[in-house]
């Protein structure tokens, strides 16, 4: 049976879990109160950091979920996403609107990637 490796395992959750050649990341957010663009930038930087810790990178992302507190921020988030995602390596992605953990969070990014 393949081992399960947990990245930054806390009392409630891990920031990532690696199993059988796949890494699942917890939702990444930016600094509460920052703009949607800045929160997106920060969340994606955390995705990069965690993927590197797992032994992979953004070219290996299989799927992404982006949650926005308000779909009116879709274009602002996409401007940052489009500059970040490697062309030719775009993952399957879904974006939806949801109440996030705090009203100060405006965007949350969740990814799954291959090692």
PDB file of N, CA and C in Angstrom:
ATOM      1  N   UNK A   1       0.845  -1.175   0.000  1.00  0.00           N
ATOM      2  CA  UNK A   1       0.000   0.000   0.000  1.00  0.00           C
ATOM      3  C   UNK A   1       0.895   1.244   0.000  1.00  0.00           C
ATOM      4  N   UNK A   2       0.541   2.237  -0.781  1.00  0.00           N
ATOM      5  CA  UNK A   2       1.327   3.469  -0.878  1.00  0.00           C
ATOM      6  C   UNK A   2       1.196   4.290   0.407  1.00  0.00           C
ATOM      7  N   UNK A   3       2.309   4.938   0.768  1.00  0.00           N
ATOM      8  CA  UNK A   3       2.299   5.793   1.952  1.00  0.00           C
ATOM      9  C   UNK A   3       1.476   7.054   1.717  1.00  0.00           C
ATOM     10  N   UNK A   4       0.998   7.621   2.801  1.00  0.00           N
ATOM     11  CA  UNK A   4       0.316   8.916   2.785  1.00  0.00           C
ATOM     12  C   UNK A   4       1.235   9.889   3.505  1.00  0.00           C
ATOM     13  N   UNK A   5       1.569  11.008   2.828  1.00  0.00           N
ATOM     14  CA  UNK A   5       2.413  12.037   3.432  1.00  0.00           C
ATOM     15  C   UNK A   5       1.577  13.293   3.616  1.00  0.00           C
ATOM     16  N   UNK A   6       1.613  13.844   4.798  1.00  0.00           N
ATOM     17  CA  UNK A   6       0.850  15.051   5.107  1.00  0.00           C
ATOM     18  C   UNK A   6       1.799  16.236   5.212  1.00  0.00           C
ATOM     19  N   UNK A   7       1.422  17.332   4.591  1.00  0.00           N
ATOM     20  CA  UNK A   7       2.221  18.558   4.579  1.00  0.00           C
ATOM     21  C   UNK A   7       1.589  19.550   5.547  1.00  0.00           C
ATOM     22  N   UNK A   8       2.410  20.011   6.492  1.00  0.00           N
ATOM     23  CA  UNK A   8       1.944  20.988   7.487  1.00  0.00           C
ATOM     24  C   UNK A   8       0.658  20.516   8.162  1.00  0.00           C
ATOM     25  N   UNK A   9       0.743  19.348   8.773  1.00  0.00           N
ATOM     26  CA  UNK A   9      -0.404  18.742   9.445  1.00  0.00           C
ATOM     27  C   UNK A   9      -0.650  19.449  10.777  1.00  0.00           C
ATOM     28  N   UNK A  10      -1.819  20.013  10.926  1.00  0.00           N
ATOM     29  CA  UNK A  10      -2.201  20.689  12.155  1.00  0.00           C
ATOM     30  C   UNK A  10      -3.250  19.887  12.903  1.00  0.00           C
ATOM     31  N   UNK A  11      -3.801  20.456  13.953  1.00  0.00           N
ATOM     32  CA  UNK A  11      -4.805  19.735  14.741  1.00  0.00           C
ATOM     33  C   UNK A  11      -6.126  19.540  13.997  1.00  0.00           C
ATOM     34  N   UNK A  12      -6.419  20.393  13.010  1.00  0.00           N
ATOM     35  CA  UNK A  12      -7.697  20.312  12.300  1.00  0.00           C
ATOM     36  C   UNK A  12      -7.535  19.781  10.880  1.00  0.00           C
ATOM     37  N   UNK A  13      -6.452  20.164  10.224  1.00  0.00           N
ATOM     38  CA  UNK A  13      -6.285  19.808   8.815  1.00  0.00           C
ATOM     39  C   UNK A  13      -4.830  19.923   8.409  1.00  0.00           C
ATOM     40  N   UNK A  14      -4.523  19.346   7.255  1.00  0.00           N
ATOM     41  CA  UNK A  14      -3.211  19.478   6.639  1.00  0.00           C
ATOM     42  C   UNK A  14      -3.310  20.472   5.495  1.00  0.00           C
ATOM     43  N   UNK A  15      -2.215  21.136   5.207  1.00  0.00           N
ATOM     44  CA  UNK A  15      -2.190  22.050   4.064  1.00  0.00           C
ATOM     45  C   UNK A  15      -2.109  21.280   2.756  1.00  0.00           C
ATOM     46  N   UNK A  16      -1.656  20.036   2.829  1.00  0.00           N
ATOM     47  CA  UNK A  16      -1.607  19.178   1.652  1.00  0.00           C
ATOM     48  C   UNK A  16      -1.487  17.729   2.064  1.00  0.00           C
ATOM     49  N   UNK A  17      -1.936  16.843   1.186  1.00  0.00           N
ATOM     50  CA  UNK A  17      -1.813  15.409   1.393  1.00  0.00           C
ATOM     51  C   UNK A  17      -1.333  14.796   0.085  1.00  0.00           C
ATOM     52  N   UNK A  18      -0.275  13.978   0.202  1.00  0.00           N
ATOM     53  CA  UNK A  18       0.312  13.312  -0.965  1.00  0.00           C
ATOM     54  C   UNK A  18       0.049  11.822  -0.850  1.00  0.00           C
ATOM     55  N   UNK A  19      -0.495  11.245  -1.923  1.00  0.00           N
ATOM     56  CA  UNK A  19      -0.762   9.809  -1.951  1.00  0.00           C
ATOM     57  C   UNK A  19      -0.819   9.340  -3.396  1.00  0.00           C
ATOM     58  N   UNK A  20      -0.124   8.259  -3.653  1.00  0.00           N
ATOM     59  CA  UNK A  20      -0.236   7.587  -4.949  1.00  0.00           C
ATOM     60  C   UNK A  20       0.019   8.529  -6.129  1.00  0.00           C
ATOM     61  N   UNK A  21       1.017   9.400  -6.006  1.00  0.00           N
ATOM     62  CA  UNK A  21       1.407  10.272  -7.114  1.00  0.00           C
ATOM     63  C   UNK A  21       0.558  11.511  -7.296  1.00  0.00           C
ATOM     64  N   UNK A  22      -0.296  11.824  -6.318  1.00  0.00           N
ATOM     65  CA  UNK A  22      -1.179  12.991  -6.408  1.00  0.00           C
ATOM     66  C   UNK A  22      -1.055  13.797  -5.123  1.00  0.00           C
ATOM     67  N   UNK A  23      -1.123  15.127  -5.227  1.00  0.00           N
ATOM     68  CA  UNK A  23      -1.158  15.993  -4.053  1.00  0.00           C
ATOM     69  C   UNK A  23      -2.458  16.789  -4.082  1.00  0.00           C
ATOM     70  N   UNK A  24      -3.143  16.770  -2.947  1.00  0.00           N
ATOM     71  CA  UNK A  24      -4.365  17.555  -2.758  1.00  0.00           C
ATOM     72  C   UNK A  24      -4.025  18.678  -1.797  1.00  0.00           C
ATOM     73  N   UNK A  25      -4.281  19.913  -2.188  1.00  0.00           N
ATOM     74  CA  UNK A  25      -4.026  21.043  -1.305  1.00  0.00           C
ATOM     75  C   UNK A  25      -5.314  21.524  -0.653  1.00  0.00           C
ATOM     76  N   UNK A  26      -5.186  21.981   0.577  1.00  0.00           N
ATOM     77  CA  UNK A  26      -6.291  22.653   1.250  1.00  0.00           C
ATOM     78  C   UNK A  26      -6.520  23.987   0.556  1.00  0.00           C
ATOM     79  N   UNK A  27      -7.657  24.595   0.798  1.00  0.00           N
ATOM     80  CA  UNK A  27      -7.950  25.901   0.226  1.00  0.00           C
ATOM     81  C   UNK A  27      -6.951  26.943   0.708  1.00  0.00           C
ATOM     82  N   UNK A  28      -6.443  27.732  -0.235  1.00  0.00           N
ATOM     83  CA  UNK A  28      -5.469  28.776   0.074  1.00  0.00           C
ATOM     84  C   UNK A  28      -6.136  30.139  -0.089  1.00  0.00           C
ATOM     85  N   UNK A  29      -5.860  31.011   0.853  1.00  0.00           N
ATOM     86  CA  UNK A  29      -6.449  32.350   0.864  1.00  0.00           C
ATOM     87  C   UNK A  29      -5.345  33.386   1.006  1.00  0.00           C
ATOM     88  N   UNK A  30      -5.710  34.629   0.808  1.00  0.00           N
ATOM     89  CA  UNK A  30      -4.771  35.726   0.987  1.00  0.00           C
ATOM     90  C   UNK A  30      -4.970  36.397   2.334  1.00  0.00           C
ATOM     91  N   UNK A  31      -4.446  37.594   2.441  1.00  0.00           N
ATOM     92  CA  UNK A  31      -4.554  38.363   3.673  1.00  0.00           C
ATOM     93  C   UNK A  31      -5.941  38.976   3.772  1.00  0.00           C
ATOM     94  N   UNK A  32      -6.660  38.718   4.870  1.00  0.00           N
ATOM     95  CA  UNK A  32      -8.007  39.279   5.025  1.00  0.00           C
ATOM     96  C   UNK A  32      -7.987  40.799   4.851  1.00  0.00           C
ATOM     97  N   UNK A  33      -8.952  41.300   4.094  1.00  0.00           N
ATOM     98  CA  UNK A  33      -9.074  42.735   3.883  1.00  0.00           C
ATOM     99  C   UNK A  33      -8.355  43.251   2.651  1.00  0.00           C
ATOM    100  N   UNK A  34      -7.403  42.468   2.085  1.00  0.00           N
ATOM    101  CA  UNK A  34      -6.732  42.888   0.856  1.00  0.00           C
ATOM    102  C   UNK A  34      -7.718  42.835  -0.321  1.00  0.00           C
ATOM    103  N   UNK A  35      -7.347  43.439  -1.410  1.00  0.00           N
ATOM    104  CA  UNK A  35      -8.166  43.403  -2.628  1.00  0.00           C
ATOM    105  C   UNK A  35      -8.246  41.978  -3.156  1.00  0.00           C
ATOM    106  N   UNK A  36      -9.195  41.730  -4.035  1.00  0.00           N
ATOM    107  CA  UNK A  36      -9.327  40.415  -4.655  1.00  0.00           C
ATOM    108  C   UNK A  36      -8.049  40.069  -5.411  1.00  0.00           C
ATOM    109  N   UNK A  37      -7.495  41.023  -6.134  1.00  0.00           N
ATOM    110  CA  UNK A  37      -6.263  40.775  -6.881  1.00  0.00           C
ATOM    111  C   UNK A  37      -5.136  40.365  -5.938  1.00  0.00           C
ATOM    112  N   UNK A  38      -4.966  41.096  -4.856  1.00  0.00           N
ATOM    113  CA  UNK A  38      -3.878  40.796  -3.923  1.00  0.00           C
ATOM    114  C   UNK A  38      -4.126  39.476  -3.199  1.00  0.00           C
ATOM    115  N   UNK A  39      -5.362  39.198  -2.814  1.00  0.00           N
ATOM    116  CA  UNK A  39      -5.658  37.911  -2.182  1.00  0.00           C
ATOM    117  C   UNK A  39      -5.408  36.755  -3.146  1.00  0.00           C
ATOM    118  N   UNK A  40      -5.759  36.946  -4.411  1.00  0.00           N
ATOM    119  CA  UNK A  40      -5.503  35.904  -5.413  1.00  0.00           C
ATOM    120  C   UNK A  40      -4.010  35.683  -5.565  1.00  0.00           C
ATOM    121  N   UNK A  41      -3.259  36.759  -5.683  1.00  0.00           N
ATOM    122  CA  UNK A  41      -1.798  36.686  -5.819  1.00  0.00           C
ATOM    123  C   UNK A  41      -1.186  35.915  -4.633  1.00  0.00           C
ATOM    124  N   UNK A  42      -1.612  36.249  -3.427  1.00  0.00           N
ATOM    125  CA  UNK A  42      -1.082  35.603  -2.223  1.00  0.00           C
ATOM    126  C   UNK A  42      -1.472  34.128  -2.173  1.00  0.00           C
ATOM    127  N   UNK A  43      -2.723  33.818  -2.478  1.00  0.00           N
ATOM    128  CA  UNK A  43      -3.178  32.423  -2.473  1.00  0.00           C
ATOM    129  C   UNK A  43      -2.403  31.588  -3.485  1.00  0.00           C
ATOM    130  N   UNK A  44      -2.166  32.140  -4.668  1.00  0.00           N
ATOM    131  CA  UNK A  44      -1.428  31.403  -5.691  1.00  0.00           C
ATOM    132  C   UNK A  44       0.035  31.230  -5.312  1.00  0.00           C
ATOM    133  N   UNK A  45       0.608  32.187  -4.616  1.00  0.00           N
ATOM    134  CA  UNK A  45       1.982  32.043  -4.122  1.00  0.00           C
ATOM    135  C   UNK A  45       2.050  30.897  -3.103  1.00  0.00           C
ATOM    136  N   UNK A  46       1.025  30.775  -2.269  1.00  0.00           N
ATOM    137  CA  UNK A  46       0.962  29.665  -1.311  1.00  0.00           C
ATOM    138  C   UNK A  46       0.793  28.332  -2.043  1.00  0.00           C
ATOM    139  N   UNK A  47      -0.005  28.312  -3.097  1.00  0.00           N
ATOM    140  CA  UNK A  47      -0.135  27.103  -3.913  1.00  0.00           C
ATOM    141  C   UNK A  47       1.240  26.718  -4.448  1.00  0.00           C
ATOM    142  N   UNK A  48       1.979  27.664  -5.003  1.00  0.00           N
ATOM    143  CA  UNK A  48       3.328  27.383  -5.514  1.00  0.00           C
ATOM    144  C   UNK A  48       4.224  26.809  -4.420  1.00  0.00           C
ATOM    145  N   UNK A  49       4.199  27.424  -3.251  1.00  0.00           N
ATOM    146  CA  UNK A  49       5.051  26.992  -2.143  1.00  0.00           C
ATOM    147  C   UNK A  49       4.721  25.566  -1.716  1.00  0.00           C
ATOM    148  N   UNK A  50       3.433  25.274  -1.570  1.00  0.00           N
ATOM    149  CA  UNK A  50       3.019  23.942  -1.136  1.00  0.00           C
ATOM    150  C   UNK A  50       3.275  22.884  -2.207  1.00  0.00           C
ATOM    151  N   UNK A  51       3.069  23.244  -3.463  1.00  0.00           N
ATOM    152  CA  UNK A  51       3.380  22.296  -4.536  1.00  0.00           C
ATOM    153  C   UNK A  51       4.868  21.966  -4.543  1.00  0.00           C
ATOM    154  N   UNK A  52       5.714  22.969  -4.351  1.00  0.00           N
ATOM    155  CA  UNK A  52       7.163  22.735  -4.299  1.00  0.00           C
ATOM    156  C   UNK A  52       7.511  21.816  -3.130  1.00  0.00           C
ATOM    157  N   UNK A  53       6.886  22.042  -1.981  1.00  0.00           N
ATOM    158  CA  UNK A  53       7.138  21.182  -0.823  1.00  0.00           C
ATOM    159  C   UNK A  53       6.722  19.742  -1.107  1.00  0.00           C
ATOM    160  N   UNK A  54       5.684  19.567  -1.908  1.00  0.00           N
ATOM    161  CA  UNK A  54       5.218  18.225  -2.265  1.00  0.00           C
ATOM    162  C   UNK A  54       6.102  17.583  -3.332  1.00  0.00           C
ATOM    163  N   UNK A  55       6.882  18.405  -4.040  1.00  0.00           N
ATOM    164  CA  UNK A  55       7.750  17.879  -5.085  1.00  0.00           C
ATOM    165  C   UNK A  55       7.199  18.036  -6.483  1.00  0.00           C
ATOM    166  N   UNK A  56       6.367  19.045  -6.691  1.00  0.00           N
ATOM    167  CA  UNK A  56       5.779  19.276  -8.005  1.00  0.00           C
ATOM    168  C   UNK A  56       5.662  20.781  -8.244  1.00  0.00           C
ATOM    169  N   UNK A  57       4.948  21.174  -9.285  1.00  0.00           N
ATOM    170  CA  UNK A  57       4.786  22.604  -9.574  1.00  0.00           C
ATOM    171  C   UNK A  57       3.494  22.849 -10.345  1.00  0.00           C
ATOM    172  N   UNK A  58       3.250  24.115 -10.657  1.00  0.00           N
ATOM    173  CA  UNK A  58       1.968  24.495 -11.269  1.00  0.00           C
ATOM    174  C   UNK A  58       1.740  23.907 -12.655  1.00  0.00           C
ATOM    175  N   UNK A  59       2.795  23.444 -13.336  1.00  0.00           N
ATOM    176  CA  UNK A  59       2.591  22.817 -14.650  1.00  0.00           C
ATOM    177  C   UNK A  59       1.934  21.447 -14.521  1.00  0.00           C
ATOM    178  N   UNK A  60       1.847  20.914 -13.300  1.00  0.00           N
ATOM    179  CA  UNK A  60       1.311  19.577 -13.060  1.00  0.00           C
ATOM    180  C   UNK A  60      -0.061  19.608 -12.382  1.00  0.00           C
ATOM    181  N   UNK A  61      -0.664  20.807 -12.281  1.00  0.00           N
ATOM    182  CA  UNK A  61      -1.993  20.903 -11.660  1.00  0.00           C
ATOM    183  C   UNK A  61      -3.014  20.220 -12.561  1.00  0.00           C
ATOM    184  N   UNK A  62      -3.798  19.351 -11.951  1.00  0.00           N
ATOM    185  CA  UNK A  62      -4.836  18.621 -12.679  1.00  0.00           C
ATOM    186  C   UNK A  62      -6.163  19.365 -12.659  1.00  0.00           C
ATOM    187  N   UNK A  63      -6.520  19.874 -11.485  1.00  0.00           N
ATOM    188  CA  UNK A  63      -7.783  20.592 -11.364  1.00  0.00           C
ATOM    189  C   UNK A  63      -7.644  21.700 -10.330  1.00  0.00           C
ATOM    190  N   UNK A  64      -8.501  22.712 -10.484  1.00  0.00           N
ATOM    191  CA  UNK A  64      -8.524  23.833  -9.552  1.00  0.00           C
ATOM    192  C   UNK A  64      -9.974  24.237  -9.311  1.00  0.00           C
ATOM    193  N   UNK A  65     -10.228  24.622  -8.074  1.00  0.00           N
ATOM    194  CA  UNK A  65     -11.511  25.224  -7.707  1.00  0.00           C
ATOM    195  C   UNK A  65     -11.202  26.604  -7.161  1.00  0.00           C
ATOM    196  N   UNK A  66     -11.920  27.584  -7.647  1.00  0.00           N
ATOM    197  CA  UNK A  66     -11.760  28.947  -7.145  1.00  0.00           C
ATOM    198  C   UNK A  66     -13.111  29.373  -6.586  1.00  0.00           C
ATOM    199  N   UNK A  67     -13.099  29.784  -5.328  1.00  0.00           N
ATOM    200  CA  UNK A  67     -14.316  30.263  -4.681  1.00  0.00           C
ATOM    201  C   UNK A  67     -14.190  31.754  -4.454  1.00  0.00           C
ATOM    202  N   UNK A  68     -15.177  32.485  -4.917  1.00  0.00           N
ATOM    203  CA  UNK A  68     -15.233  33.937  -4.736  1.00  0.00           C
ATOM    204  C   UNK A  68     -16.393  34.285  -3.808  1.00  0.00           C
ATOM    205  N   UNK A  69     -16.172  35.241  -2.945  1.00  0.00           N
ATOM    206  CA  UNK A  69     -17.258  35.709  -2.079  1.00  0.00           C
ATOM    207  C   UNK A  69     -18.316  36.435  -2.902  1.00  0.00           C
ATOM    208  N   UNK A  70     -17.892  36.985  -4.046  1.00  0.00           N
ATOM    209  CA  UNK A  70     -18.810  37.731  -4.920  1.00  0.00           C
ATOM    210  C   UNK A  70     -18.371  37.528  -6.370  1.00  0.00           C
ATOM    211  N   UNK A  71     -19.237  36.952  -7.194  1.00  0.00           N
ATOM    212  CA  UNK A  71     -18.893  36.707  -8.601  1.00  0.00           C
ATOM    213  C   UNK A  71     -18.597  37.992  -9.366  1.00  0.00           C
ATOM    214  N   UNK A  72     -18.959  39.130  -8.810  1.00  0.00           N
ATOM    215  CA  UNK A  72     -18.611  40.408  -9.447  1.00  0.00           C
ATOM    216  C   UNK A  72     -17.094  40.581  -9.510  1.00  0.00           C
ATOM    217  N   UNK A  73     -16.341  39.806  -8.703  1.00  0.00           N
ATOM    218  CA  UNK A  73     -14.882  39.888  -8.683  1.00  0.00           C
ATOM    219  C   UNK A  73     -14.215  38.917  -9.649  1.00  0.00           C
ATOM    220  N   UNK A  74     -14.996  38.246 -10.480  1.00  0.00           N
ATOM    221  CA  UNK A  74     -14.492  37.216 -11.399  1.00  0.00           C
ATOM    222  C   UNK A  74     -13.392  37.754 -12.314  1.00  0.00           C
ATOM    223  N   UNK A  75     -13.593  38.888 -12.942  1.00  0.00           N
ATOM    224  CA  UNK A  75     -12.600  39.435 -13.878  1.00  0.00           C
ATOM    225  C   UNK A  75     -11.314  39.828 -13.157  1.00  0.00           C
ATOM    226  N   UNK A  76     -11.441  40.409 -11.966  1.00  0.00           N
ATOM    227  CA  UNK A  76     -10.251  40.814 -11.204  1.00  0.00           C
ATOM    228  C   UNK A  76      -9.416  39.589 -10.809  1.00  0.00           C
ATOM    229  N   UNK A  77     -10.074  38.531 -10.367  1.00  0.00           N
ATOM    230  CA  UNK A  77      -9.371  37.299 -10.023  1.00  0.00           C
ATOM    231  C   UNK A  77      -8.743  36.686 -11.264  1.00  0.00           C
ATOM    232  N   UNK A  78      -9.504  36.632 -12.373  1.00  0.00           N
ATOM    233  CA  UNK A  78      -8.994  36.020 -13.605  1.00  0.00           C
ATOM    234  C   UNK A  78      -7.775  36.737 -14.161  1.00  0.00           C
ATOM    235  N   UNK A  79      -7.673  38.044 -13.982  1.00  0.00           N
ATOM    236  CA  UNK A  79      -6.498  38.774 -14.471  1.00  0.00           C
ATOM    237  C   UNK A  79      -5.234  38.251 -13.797  1.00  0.00           C
ATOM    238  N   UNK A  80      -5.305  37.957 -12.518  1.00  0.00           N
ATOM    239  CA  UNK A  80      -4.151  37.421 -11.796  1.00  0.00           C
ATOM    240  C   UNK A  80      -3.937  35.954 -12.166  1.00  0.00           C
ATOM    241  N   UNK A  81      -5.011  35.185 -12.200  1.00  0.00           N
ATOM    242  CA  UNK A  81      -4.918  33.767 -12.574  1.00  0.00           C
ATOM    243  C   UNK A  81      -4.291  33.612 -13.949  1.00  0.00           C
ATOM    244  N   UNK A  82      -4.762  34.374 -14.936  1.00  0.00           N
ATOM    245  CA  UNK A  82      -4.282  34.227 -16.310  1.00  0.00           C
ATOM    246  C   UNK A  82      -2.788  34.520 -16.433  1.00  0.00           C
ATOM    247  N   UNK A  83      -2.274  35.451 -15.632  1.00  0.00           N
ATOM    248  CA  UNK A  83      -0.838  35.752 -15.643  1.00  0.00           C
ATOM    249  C   UNK A  83      -0.038  34.660 -14.940  1.00  0.00           C
ATOM    250  N   UNK A  84      -0.666  33.933 -14.027  1.00  0.00           N
ATOM    251  CA  UNK A  84       0.015  32.913 -13.218  1.00  0.00           C
ATOM    252  C   UNK A  84       0.021  31.539 -13.868  1.00  0.00           C
ATOM    253  N   UNK A  85      -1.086  31.129 -14.457  1.00  0.00           N
ATOM    254  CA  UNK A  85      -1.199  29.753 -14.971  1.00  0.00           C
ATOM    255  C   UNK A  85      -0.318  29.601 -16.224  1.00  0.00           C
ATOM    256  N   UNK A  86       0.506  28.539 -16.264  1.00  0.00           N
ATOM    257  CA  UNK A  86       1.386  28.355 -17.422  1.00  0.00           C
ATOM    258  C   UNK A  86       0.578  27.969 -18.672  1.00  0.00           C
ATOM    259  N   UNK A  87       0.698  28.750 -19.710  1.00  0.00           N
ATOM    260  CA  UNK A  87      -0.014  28.443 -20.949  1.00  0.00           C
ATOM    261  C   UNK A  87       0.423  27.076 -21.463  1.00  0.00           C
ATOM    262  N   UNK A  88      -0.537  26.301 -21.923  1.00  0.00           N
ATOM    263  CA  UNK A  88      -0.278  24.939 -22.354  1.00  0.00           C
ATOM    264  C   UNK A  88      -0.367  23.933 -21.215  1.00  0.00           C
ATOM    265  N   UNK A  89      -0.541  24.430 -19.983  1.00  0.00           N
ATOM    266  CA  UNK A  89      -0.653  23.558 -18.811  1.00  0.00           C
ATOM    267  C   UNK A  89      -1.862  23.950 -17.959  1.00  0.00           C
ATOM    268  N   UNK A  90      -2.860  24.532 -18.580  1.00  0.00           N
ATOM    269  CA  UNK A  90      -4.045  24.982 -17.828  1.00  0.00           C
ATOM    270  C   UNK A  90      -4.816  23.774 -17.297  1.00  0.00           C
ATOM    271  N   UNK A  91      -5.151  23.778 -16.006  1.00  0.00           N
ATOM    272  CA  UNK A  91      -5.903  22.659 -15.444  1.00  0.00           C
ATOM    273  C   UNK A  91      -7.386  22.777 -15.748  1.00  0.00           C
ATOM    274  N   UNK A  92      -8.114  21.715 -15.481  1.00  0.00           N
ATOM    275  CA  UNK A  92      -9.568  21.816 -15.439  1.00  0.00           C
ATOM    276  C   UNK A  92      -9.875  22.735 -14.258  1.00  0.00           C
ATOM    277  N   UNK A  93     -10.837  23.656 -14.433  1.00  0.00           N
ATOM    278  CA  UNK A  93     -11.096  24.612 -13.353  1.00  0.00           C
ATOM    279  C   UNK A  93     -12.573  24.912 -13.245  1.00  0.00           C
ATOM    280  N   UNK A  94     -13.026  25.083 -12.010  1.00  0.00           N
ATOM    281  CA  UNK A  94     -14.389  25.538 -11.731  1.00  0.00           C
ATOM    282  C   UNK A  94     -14.285  26.748 -10.822  1.00  0.00           C
ATOM    283  N   UNK A  95     -15.171  27.707 -11.039  1.00  0.00           N
ATOM    284  CA  UNK A  95     -15.225  28.900 -10.185  1.00  0.00           C
ATOM    285  C   UNK A  95     -16.664  29.071  -9.732  1.00  0.00           C
ATOM    286  N   UNK A  96     -16.818  29.323  -8.450  1.00  0.00           N
ATOM    287  CA  UNK A  96     -18.156  29.519  -7.916  1.00  0.00           C
ATOM    288  C   UNK A  96     -18.166  30.601  -6.853  1.00  0.00           C
ATOM    289  N   UNK A  97     -19.362  30.970  -6.454  1.00  0.00           N
ATOM    290  CA  UNK A  97     -19.546  31.971  -5.415  1.00  0.00           C
ATOM    291  C   UNK A  97     -19.967  31.264  -4.139  1.00  0.00           C
ATOM    292  N   UNK A  98     -19.342  31.656  -3.034  1.00  0.00           N
ATOM    293  CA  UNK A  98     -19.655  31.040  -1.753  1.00  0.00           C
ATOM    294  C   UNK A  98     -19.297  31.986  -0.624  1.00  0.00           C
ATOM    295  N   UNK A  99     -20.011  31.897   0.470  1.00  0.00           N
ATOM    296  CA  UNK A  99     -19.617  32.603   1.676  1.00  0.00           C
ATOM    297  C   UNK A  99     -18.360  31.906   2.185  1.00  0.00           C
ATOM    298  N   UNK A 100     -17.280  32.645   2.391  1.00  0.00           N
ATOM    299  CA  UNK A 100     -16.020  32.059   2.841  1.00  0.00           C
ATOM    300  C   UNK A 100     -15.935  32.119   4.366  1.00  0.00           C
ATOM    301  N   UNK A 101     -14.854  31.621   4.930  1.00  0.00           N
ATOM    302  CA  UNK A 101     -14.722  31.473   6.386  1.00  0.00           C
ATOM    303  C   UNK A 101     -14.851  32.794   7.141  1.00  0.00           C
ATOM    304  N   UNK A 102     -14.507  33.886   6.492  1.00  0.00           N
ATOM    305  CA  UNK A 102     -14.616  35.217   7.096  1.00  0.00           C
ATOM    306  C   UNK A 102     -15.052  36.186   6.008  1.00  0.00           C
ATOM    307  N   UNK A 103     -15.822  37.204   6.338  1.00  0.00           N
ATOM    308  CA  UNK A 103     -16.223  38.175   5.318  1.00  0.00           C
ATOM    309  C   UNK A 103     -15.031  38.946   4.732  1.00  0.00           C
ATOM    310  N   UNK A 104     -13.881  38.900   5.415  1.00  0.00           N
ATOM    311  CA  UNK A 104     -12.688  39.580   4.917  1.00  0.00           C
ATOM    312  C   UNK A 104     -11.950  38.775   3.855  1.00  0.00           C
ATOM    313  N   UNK A 105     -12.294  37.490   3.717  1.00  0.00           N
ATOM    314  CA  UNK A 105     -11.734  36.681   2.628  1.00  0.00           C
ATOM    315  C   UNK A 105     -12.608  36.866   1.405  1.00  0.00           C
ATOM    316  N   UNK A 106     -11.960  37.096   0.269  1.00  0.00           N
ATOM    317  CA  UNK A 106     -12.713  37.331  -0.968  1.00  0.00           C
ATOM    318  C   UNK A 106     -12.502  36.231  -2.002  1.00  0.00           C
ATOM    319  N   UNK A 107     -11.422  35.442  -1.836  1.00  0.00           N
ATOM    320  CA  UNK A 107     -11.116  34.388  -2.793  1.00  0.00           C
ATOM    321  C   UNK A 107     -10.405  33.234  -2.063  1.00  0.00           C
ATOM    322  N   UNK A 108     -10.716  32.008  -2.489  1.00  0.00           N
ATOM    323  CA  UNK A 108     -10.043  30.816  -1.981  1.00  0.00           C
ATOM    324  C   UNK A 108      -9.752  29.900  -3.169  1.00  0.00           C
ATOM    325  N   UNK A 109      -8.543  29.349  -3.199  1.00  0.00           N
ATOM    326  CA  UNK A 109      -8.089  28.510  -4.318  1.00  0.00           C
ATOM    327  C   UNK A 109      -7.722  27.129  -3.792  1.00  0.00           C
ATOM    328  N   UNK A 110      -8.261  26.098  -4.432  1.00  0.00           N
ATOM    329  CA  UNK A 110      -8.006  24.704  -4.054  1.00  0.00           C
ATOM    330  C   UNK A 110      -7.492  23.985  -5.303  1.00  0.00           C
ATOM    331  N   UNK A 111      -6.352  23.285  -5.185  1.00  0.00           N
ATOM    332  CA  UNK A 111      -5.838  22.569  -6.347  1.00  0.00           C
ATOM    333  C   UNK A 111      -5.487  21.131  -6.008  1.00  0.00           C
ATOM    334  N   UNK A 112      -5.490  20.310  -7.058  1.00  0.00           N
ATOM    335  CA  UNK A 112      -5.016  18.948  -7.034  1.00  0.00           C
ATOM    336  C   UNK A 112      -3.994  18.835  -8.146  1.00  0.00           C
ATOM    337  N   UNK A 113      -2.828  18.217  -7.832  1.00  0.00           N
ATOM    338  CA  UNK A 113      -1.765  18.145  -8.840  1.00  0.00           C
ATOM    339  C   UNK A 113      -1.121  16.774  -8.835  1.00  0.00           C
ATOM    340  N   UNK A 114      -0.543  16.426  -9.975  1.00  0.00           N
ATOM    341  CA  UNK A 114       0.255  15.206 -10.090  1.00  0.00           C
ATOM    342  C   UNK A 114       1.681  15.502  -9.635  1.00  0.00           C
ATOM    343  N   UNK A 115       2.330  14.485  -9.088  1.00  0.00           N
ATOM    344  CA  UNK A 115       3.750  14.653  -8.727  1.00  0.00           C
ATOM    345  C   UNK A 115       4.624  14.526  -9.947  1.00  0.00           C
TER     346      UNK A 115
END
